[in-house]
C-alpha atoms as a PDB file:
ATOM      1  CA  UNK A   1      -1.564  20.619  -8.549  1.00  0.00           C
ATOM      2  CA  UNK A   2      -2.656  17.155 -10.703  1.00  0.00           C
ATOM      3  CA  UNK A   3      -2.302  13.719  -9.354  1.00  0.00           C
ATOM      4  CA  UNK A   4       0.830  13.096 -11.723  1.00  0.00           C
ATOM      5  CA  UNK A   5       2.341  16.341 -10.043  1.00  0.00           C
ATOM      6  CA  UNK A   6       2.483  15.518  -6.737  1.00  0.00           C
ATOM      7  CA  UNK A   7       3.227  11.655  -6.902  1.00  0.00           C
ATOM      8  CA  UNK A   8       7.268  11.435  -5.853  1.00  0.00           C
ATOM      9  CA  UNK A   9       7.885   8.246  -6.322  1.00  0.00           C
ATOM     10  CA  UNK A  10       5.697   4.825  -7.076  1.00  0.00           C
ATOM     11  CA  UNK A  11       6.517   0.842  -6.192  1.00  0.00           C
ATOM     12  CA  UNK A  12       4.341  -1.517  -7.611  1.00  0.00           C
ATOM     13  CA  UNK A  13       4.705  -4.914  -5.900  1.00  0.00           C
ATOM     14  CA  UNK A  14       2.663  -7.680  -7.890  1.00  0.00           C
ATOM     15  CA  UNK A  15       1.829 -10.777  -5.758  1.00  0.00           C
ATOM     16  CA  UNK A  16      -0.321 -13.334  -7.024  1.00  0.00           C
ATOM     17  CA  UNK A  17      -3.718 -12.205  -7.843  1.00  0.00           C
ATOM     18  CA  UNK A  18      -2.875  -8.832  -5.907  1.00  0.00           C
ATOM     19  CA  UNK A  19      -0.827  -5.636  -6.626  1.00  0.00           C
ATOM     20  CA  UNK A  20       0.308  -3.261  -4.343  1.00  0.00           C
ATOM     21  CA  UNK A  21       1.294   0.465  -5.192  1.00  0.00           C
ATOM     22  CA  UNK A  22       3.341   2.277  -2.761  1.00  0.00           C
ATOM     23  CA  UNK A  23       3.251   5.967  -3.928  1.00  0.00           C
ATOM     24  CA  UNK A  24       4.991   8.530  -2.267  1.00  0.00           C
ATOM     25  CA  UNK A  25       3.025  12.020  -2.945  1.00  0.00           C
ATOM     26  CA  UNK A  26       3.527  16.015  -1.694  1.00  0.00           C
ATOM     27  CA  UNK A  27       0.477  17.935  -0.092  1.00  0.00           C
ATOM     28  CA  UNK A  28       0.626  21.337  -1.913  1.00  0.00           C
ATOM     29  CA  UNK A  29       2.812  22.336   0.964  1.00  0.00           C
ATOM     30  CA  UNK A  30       5.313  19.812   0.037  1.00  0.00           C
ATOM     31  CA  UNK A  31       5.020  17.549   3.250  1.00  0.00           C
ATOM     32  CA  UNK A  32       5.468  13.679   1.883  1.00  0.00           C
ATOM     33  CA  UNK A  33       2.634  11.236   2.717  1.00  0.00           C
ATOM     34  CA  UNK A  34       2.587   7.773   1.084  1.00  0.00           C
ATOM     35  CA  UNK A  35      -0.310   6.270   0.030  1.00  0.00           C
ATOM     36  CA  UNK A  36      -0.580   2.075  -0.035  1.00  0.00           C
ATOM     37  CA  UNK A  37      -3.506   0.690  -2.261  1.00  0.00           C
ATOM     38  CA  UNK A  38      -4.318  -2.871  -2.546  1.00  0.00           C
ATOM     39  CA  UNK A  39      -5.656  -4.004  -6.347  1.00  0.00           C
ATOM     40  CA  UNK A  40      -7.224  -7.249  -7.815  1.00  0.00           C
ATOM     41  CA  UNK A  41      -8.989  -8.346 -10.488  1.00  0.00           C
ATOM     42  CA  UNK A  42     -12.314  -9.410  -9.775  1.00  0.00           C
ATOM     43  CA  UNK A  43     -14.747 -11.116 -12.183  1.00  0.00           C
ATOM     44  CA  UNK A  44     -18.478 -10.593 -12.277  1.00  0.00           C
ATOM     45  CA  UNK A  45     -20.995 -13.153 -13.301  1.00  0.00           C
ATOM     46  CA  UNK A  46     -21.128 -12.604 -17.355  1.00  0.00           C
ATOM     47  CA  UNK A  47     -17.039 -12.724 -17.005  1.00  0.00           C
ATOM     48  CA  UNK A  48     -15.966  -9.132 -17.226  1.00  0.00           C
ATOM     49  CA  UNK A  49     -12.949  -7.901 -15.193  1.00  0.00           C
ATOM     50  CA  UNK A  50     -13.133  -5.065 -12.912  1.00  0.00           C
ATOM     51  CA  UNK A  51     -10.525  -4.256 -10.330  1.00  0.00           C
ATOM     52  CA  UNK A  52     -11.097  -3.719  -6.413  1.00  0.00           C
ATOM     53  CA  UNK A  53      -9.140  -1.040  -4.776  1.00  0.00           C
ATOM     54  CA  UNK A  54      -8.345  -0.395  -1.337  1.00  0.00           C
ATOM     55  CA  UNK A  55      -6.138   2.474  -0.423  1.00  0.00           C
ATOM     56  CA  UNK A  56      -4.648   3.715   2.796  1.00  0.00           C
ATOM     57  CA  UNK A  57      -3.097   6.803   3.336  1.00  0.00           C
ATOM     58  CA  UNK A  58      -0.088   7.154   5.559  1.00  0.00           C
ATOM     59  CA  UNK A  59       1.088  10.803   6.973  1.00  0.00           C
ATOM     60  CA  UNK A  60       4.297  11.459   8.182  1.00  0.00           C
ATOM     61  CA  UNK A  61       3.734  11.964  11.753  1.00  0.00           C
ATOM     62  CA  UNK A  62       2.509   8.027  11.647  1.00  0.00           C
ATOM     63  CA  UNK A  63       5.617   6.745   9.860  1.00  0.00           C
ATOM     64  CA  UNK A  64       7.555   5.884  12.609  1.00  0.00           C
ATOM     65  CA  UNK A  65       4.576   3.956  15.070  1.00  0.00           C
ATOM     66  CA  UNK A  66       2.996   2.268  10.954  1.00  0.00           C
ATOM     67  CA  UNK A  67       7.184   1.272  10.541  1.00  0.00           C
ATOM     68  CA  UNK A  68       6.912  -0.192  14.341  1.00  0.00           C
ATOM     69  CA  UNK A  69       3.986  -2.029  14.007  1.00  0.00           C
ATOM     70  CA  UNK A  70       4.977  -3.168  10.549  1.00  0.00           C
ATOM     71  CA  UNK A  71       8.243  -4.575  12.167  1.00  0.00           C
ATOM     72  CA  UNK A  72       6.480  -6.069  15.012  1.00  0.00           C
ATOM     73  CA  UNK A  73       4.143  -8.252  13.463  1.00  0.00           C
ATOM     74  CA  UNK A  74       6.616  -9.312  10.697  1.00  0.00           C
ATOM     75  CA  UNK A  75       8.568 -10.671  13.824  1.00  0.00           C
ATOM     76  CA  UNK A  76       6.028 -12.378  15.018  1.00  0.00           C
ATOM     77  CA  UNK A  77       4.811 -13.871  12.341  1.00  0.00           C
ATOM     78  CA  UNK A  78       8.492 -15.298  11.638  1.00  0.00           C
ATOM     79  CA  UNK A  79       8.446 -16.702  15.601  1.00  0.00           C
ATOM     80  CA  UNK A  80       4.999 -18.033  15.376  1.00  0.00           C
ATOM     81  CA  UNK A  81       6.241 -20.092  11.882  1.00  0.00           C
ATOM     82  CA  UNK A  82       9.291 -21.363  13.632  1.00  0.00           C
ATOM     83  CA  UNK A  83       7.122 -22.854  16.439  1.00  0.00           C
ATOM     84  CA  UNK A  84       5.300 -25.349  13.916  1.00  0.00           C
END
C-alpha cells in the first residue's frame, strides 16, 4: 500500500514560519492513526532553502489521552494569560 493510498484526510495549517500537517492514515488492517508533521524552511550558508521536518505518530489507543493532555495545557495557557 503506497503512502497516497493509505492517506484518508489531510489538514494543512500555516503558522508563520512553520507549516503543520495533520494527516489521518490507515494501516493495512484499516486502523486509523494520525501523523503530525511540523515543517520549517531553513536557509544554508549559501542561501539555499531546505525544509526541516519533525513527525509524530499518534495511534488510536492514545487519541483520548493526547486530547486530554492538549486540552489541559491549552486551558493552562489561557489561565496563565489571564493572570498577566
